[in-house]
Amino acid sequence: MDRSCSLYCISNEIYSDNGKDTQVLLDRLLLNQVDIGDQLKSIVGEDNGNNLTTLLEKHIELAGDVIKAAVANDQMLEEKIEIYLIMVIKLLFYYLHSMKINCLMK
């Protein structure tokens, strides 16, 4: 699979195979998040890179859970997970914003 594959194409593949390869696809996306954090460490520092990786991984895990719930047609679970997913996205935004400010101040 192409490493640049987005969650959109992952969700399409999960729906098309009825969720059979879900974990394989999500594992690939999780590795991508480690790569992103590692690439940014030289700019934002080791700790910030690790923290960013953790937030990005949580984002992918929750997004994957939303897709799994949708495939299982579990609307209530899907809605609950989406709430947590939105919270993680907001945390990512604020964390990235704070890193930008810290990098500019150095």
C-alpha atoms as a PDB file:
ATOM      1  CA  MET A   1       0.000   0.000   0.000  1.00  0.00           C
ATOM      2  CA  ASP A   2       1.158   3.527  -0.748  1.00  0.00           C
ATOM      3  CA  ARG A   3       2.390   5.121   2.495  1.00  0.00           C
ATOM      4  CA  SER A   4       0.678   8.393   1.598  1.00  0.00           C
ATOM      5  CA  CYS A   5      -2.751   6.762   1.588  1.00  0.00           C
ATOM      6  CA  SER A   6      -5.234   8.889   3.513  1.00  0.00           C
ATOM      7  CA  LEU A   7      -7.868   7.856   6.001  1.00  0.00           C
ATOM      8  CA  TYR A   8     -10.417   8.456   3.232  1.00  0.00           C
ATOM      9  CA  CYS A   9      -8.935   5.738   1.012  1.00  0.00           C
ATOM     10  CA  ILE A  10      -8.507   3.499   4.073  1.00  0.00           C
ATOM     11  CA  SER A  11     -12.185   3.860   4.927  1.00  0.00           C
ATOM     12  CA  ASN A  12     -13.136   3.028   1.333  1.00  0.00           C
ATOM     13  CA  GLU A  13     -11.020  -0.139   1.461  1.00  0.00           C
ATOM     14  CA  ILE A  14     -12.504  -1.131   4.828  1.00  0.00           C
ATOM     15  CA  TYR A  15     -16.040  -0.718   3.500  1.00  0.00           C
ATOM     16  CA  SER A  16     -15.263  -2.561   0.288  1.00  0.00           C
ATOM     17  CA  ASP A  17     -13.885  -5.653   2.082  1.00  0.00           C
ATOM     18  CA  ASN A  18     -16.385  -5.448   4.954  1.00  0.00           C
ATOM     19  CA  GLY A  19     -13.650  -4.690   7.483  1.00  0.00           C
ATOM     20  CA  LYS A  20     -11.462  -7.761   6.888  1.00  0.00           C
ATOM     21  CA  ASP A  21      -8.202  -5.813   6.503  1.00  0.00           C
ATOM     22  CA  THR A  22      -9.053  -3.019   8.910  1.00  0.00           C
ATOM     23  CA  GLN A  23      -6.230  -3.642  11.381  1.00  0.00           C
ATOM     24  CA  VAL A  24      -3.605  -4.068   8.657  1.00  0.00           C
ATOM     25  CA  LEU A  25      -4.614  -0.750   7.127  1.00  0.00           C
ATOM     26  CA  LEU A  26      -4.765   1.048  10.458  1.00  0.00           C
ATOM     27  CA  ASP A  27      -1.351  -0.352  11.455  1.00  0.00           C
ATOM     28  CA  ARG A  28       0.091   1.200   8.288  1.00  0.00           C
ATOM     29  CA  LEU A  29      -1.451   4.557   9.168  1.00  0.00           C
ATOM     30  CA  LEU A  30      -0.109   4.327  12.716  1.00  0.00           C
ATOM     31  CA  LEU A  31       3.415   3.813  11.363  1.00  0.00           C
ATOM     32  CA  ASN A  32       2.939   6.930   9.251  1.00  0.00           C
ATOM     33  CA  GLN A  33       2.238   8.937  12.407  1.00  0.00           C
ATOM     34  CA  VAL A  34       5.546   7.793  13.907  1.00  0.00           C
ATOM     35  CA  ASP A  35       7.289   8.904  10.707  1.00  0.00           C
ATOM     36  CA  ILE A  36       5.642  12.335  10.926  1.00  0.00           C
ATOM     37  CA  GLY A  37       6.667  12.804  14.570  1.00  0.00           C
ATOM     38  CA  ASP A  38      10.218  11.638  13.830  1.00  0.00           C
ATOM     39  CA  GLN A  39      10.562  14.030  10.905  1.00  0.00           C
ATOM     40  CA  LEU A  40       9.478  16.987  13.030  1.00  0.00           C
ATOM     41  CA  LYS A  41      11.801  16.255  15.956  1.00  0.00           C
ATOM     42  CA  SER A  42      14.660  18.209  14.414  1.00  0.00           C
ATOM     43  CA  ILE A  43      12.379  21.259  14.274  1.00  0.00           C
ATOM     44  CA  VAL A  44      10.294  20.967  17.439  1.00  0.00           C
ATOM     45  CA  GLY A  45      12.517  18.851  19.681  1.00  0.00           C
ATOM     46  CA  GLU A  46      12.454  15.243  20.845  1.00  0.00           C
ATOM     47  CA  ASP A  47       9.720  15.627  23.483  1.00  0.00           C
ATOM     48  CA  ASN A  48       7.407  17.621  21.230  1.00  0.00           C
ATOM     49  CA  GLY A  49       7.933  15.136  18.404  1.00  0.00           C
ATOM     50  CA  ASN A  50       7.057  12.242  20.717  1.00  0.00           C
ATOM     51  CA  ASN A  51       3.997  14.061  22.080  1.00  0.00           C
ATOM     52  CA  LEU A  52       2.836  14.863  18.574  1.00  0.00           C
ATOM     53  CA  THR A  53       3.248  11.219  17.553  1.00  0.00           C
ATOM     54  CA  THR A  54       1.103  10.144  20.516  1.00  0.00           C
ATOM     55  CA  LEU A  55      -1.682  12.582  19.593  1.00  0.00           C
ATOM     56  CA  LEU A  56      -1.543  11.603  15.924  1.00  0.00           C
ATOM     57  CA  GLU A  57      -1.704   7.910  16.810  1.00  0.00           C
ATOM     58  CA  LYS A  58      -4.719   8.509  19.056  1.00  0.00           C
ATOM     59  CA  HIS A  59      -6.383  10.378  16.197  1.00  0.00           C
ATOM     60  CA  ILE A  60      -5.878   7.424  13.846  1.00  0.00           C
ATOM     61  CA  GLU A  61      -7.013   4.888  16.457  1.00  0.00           C
ATOM     62  CA  LEU A  62     -10.239   6.810  17.095  1.00  0.00           C
ATOM     63  CA  ALA A  63     -10.868   7.415  13.410  1.00  0.00           C
ATOM     64  CA  GLY A  64     -10.403   3.697  12.839  1.00  0.00           C
ATOM     65  CA  ASP A  65     -12.881   2.959  15.623  1.00  0.00           C
ATOM     66  CA  VAL A  66     -15.426   5.263  13.975  1.00  0.00           C
ATOM     67  CA  ILE A  67     -15.001   3.389  10.697  1.00  0.00           C
ATOM     68  CA  LYS A  68     -15.284  -0.004  12.429  1.00  0.00           C
ATOM     69  CA  ALA A  69     -18.468   1.112  14.198  1.00  0.00           C
ATOM     70  CA  ALA A  70     -19.878   2.339  10.896  1.00  0.00           C
ATOM     71  CA  VAL A  71     -19.062  -0.958   9.184  1.00  0.00           C
ATOM     72  CA  ALA A  72     -20.773  -2.775  12.079  1.00  0.00           C
ATOM     73  CA  ASN A  73     -23.707  -0.365  11.690  1.00  0.00           C
ATOM     74  CA  ASP A  74     -23.422   0.638  15.388  1.00  0.00           C
ATOM     75  CA  GLN A  75     -24.661   4.227  15.218  1.00  0.00           C
ATOM     76  CA  MET A  76     -24.539   4.875  18.975  1.00  0.00           C
ATOM     77  CA  LEU A  77     -20.924   3.709  19.296  1.00  0.00           C
ATOM     78  CA  GLU A  78     -19.958   5.632  16.171  1.00  0.00           C
ATOM     79  CA  GLU A  79     -21.378   8.859  17.615  1.00  0.00           C
ATOM     80  CA  LYS A  80     -19.596   8.376  20.964  1.00  0.00           C
ATOM     81  CA  ILE A  81     -16.261   7.730  19.294  1.00  0.00           C
ATOM     82  CA  GLU A  82     -16.731  10.720  16.995  1.00  0.00           C
ATOM     83  CA  ILE A  83     -17.005  12.958  20.081  1.00  0.00           C
ATOM     84  CA  TYR A  84     -13.620  11.713  21.329  1.00  0.00           C
ATOM     85  CA  LEU A  85     -12.176  12.020  17.838  1.00  0.00           C
ATOM     86  CA  ILE A  86     -13.202  15.680  17.663  1.00  0.00           C
ATOM     87  CA  MET A  87     -11.601  16.280  21.074  1.00  0.00           C
ATOM     88  CA  VAL A  88      -8.322  14.739  19.890  1.00  0.00           C
ATOM     89  CA  ILE A  89      -8.406  16.801  16.691  1.00  0.00           C
ATOM     90  CA  LYS A  90      -8.817  19.959  18.795  1.00  0.00           C
ATOM     91  CA  LEU A  91      -5.926  18.881  21.037  1.00  0.00           C
ATOM     92  CA  LEU A  92      -3.790  18.321  17.948  1.00  0.00           C
ATOM     93  CA  PHE A  93      -4.655  21.780  16.651  1.00  0.00           C
ATOM     94  CA  TYR A  94      -3.781  23.493  19.934  1.00  0.00           C
ATOM     95  CA  TYR A  95      -0.618  21.455  20.364  1.00  0.00           C
ATOM     96  CA  LEU A  96       0.591  22.214  16.860  1.00  0.00           C
ATOM     97  CA  HIS A  97      -0.254  25.874  17.350  1.00  0.00           C
ATOM     98  CA  SER A  98       1.712  26.033  20.595  1.00  0.00           C
ATOM     99  CA  MET A  99       4.726  24.371  18.948  1.00  0.00           C
ATOM    100  CA  LYS A 100       4.672  26.956  16.157  1.00  0.00           C
ATOM    101  CA  ILE A 101       4.737  29.767  18.678  1.00  0.00           C
ATOM    102  CA  ASN A 102       7.527  28.108  20.664  1.00  0.00           C
ATOM    103  CA  CYS A 103       9.602  27.549  17.504  1.00  0.00           C
ATOM    104  CA  LEU A 104       9.206  31.198  16.468  1.00  0.00           C
ATOM    105  CA  MET A 105      10.299  32.399  19.890  1.00  0.00           C
ATOM    106  CA  LYS A 106      13.605  30.495  19.826  1.00  0.00           C
END
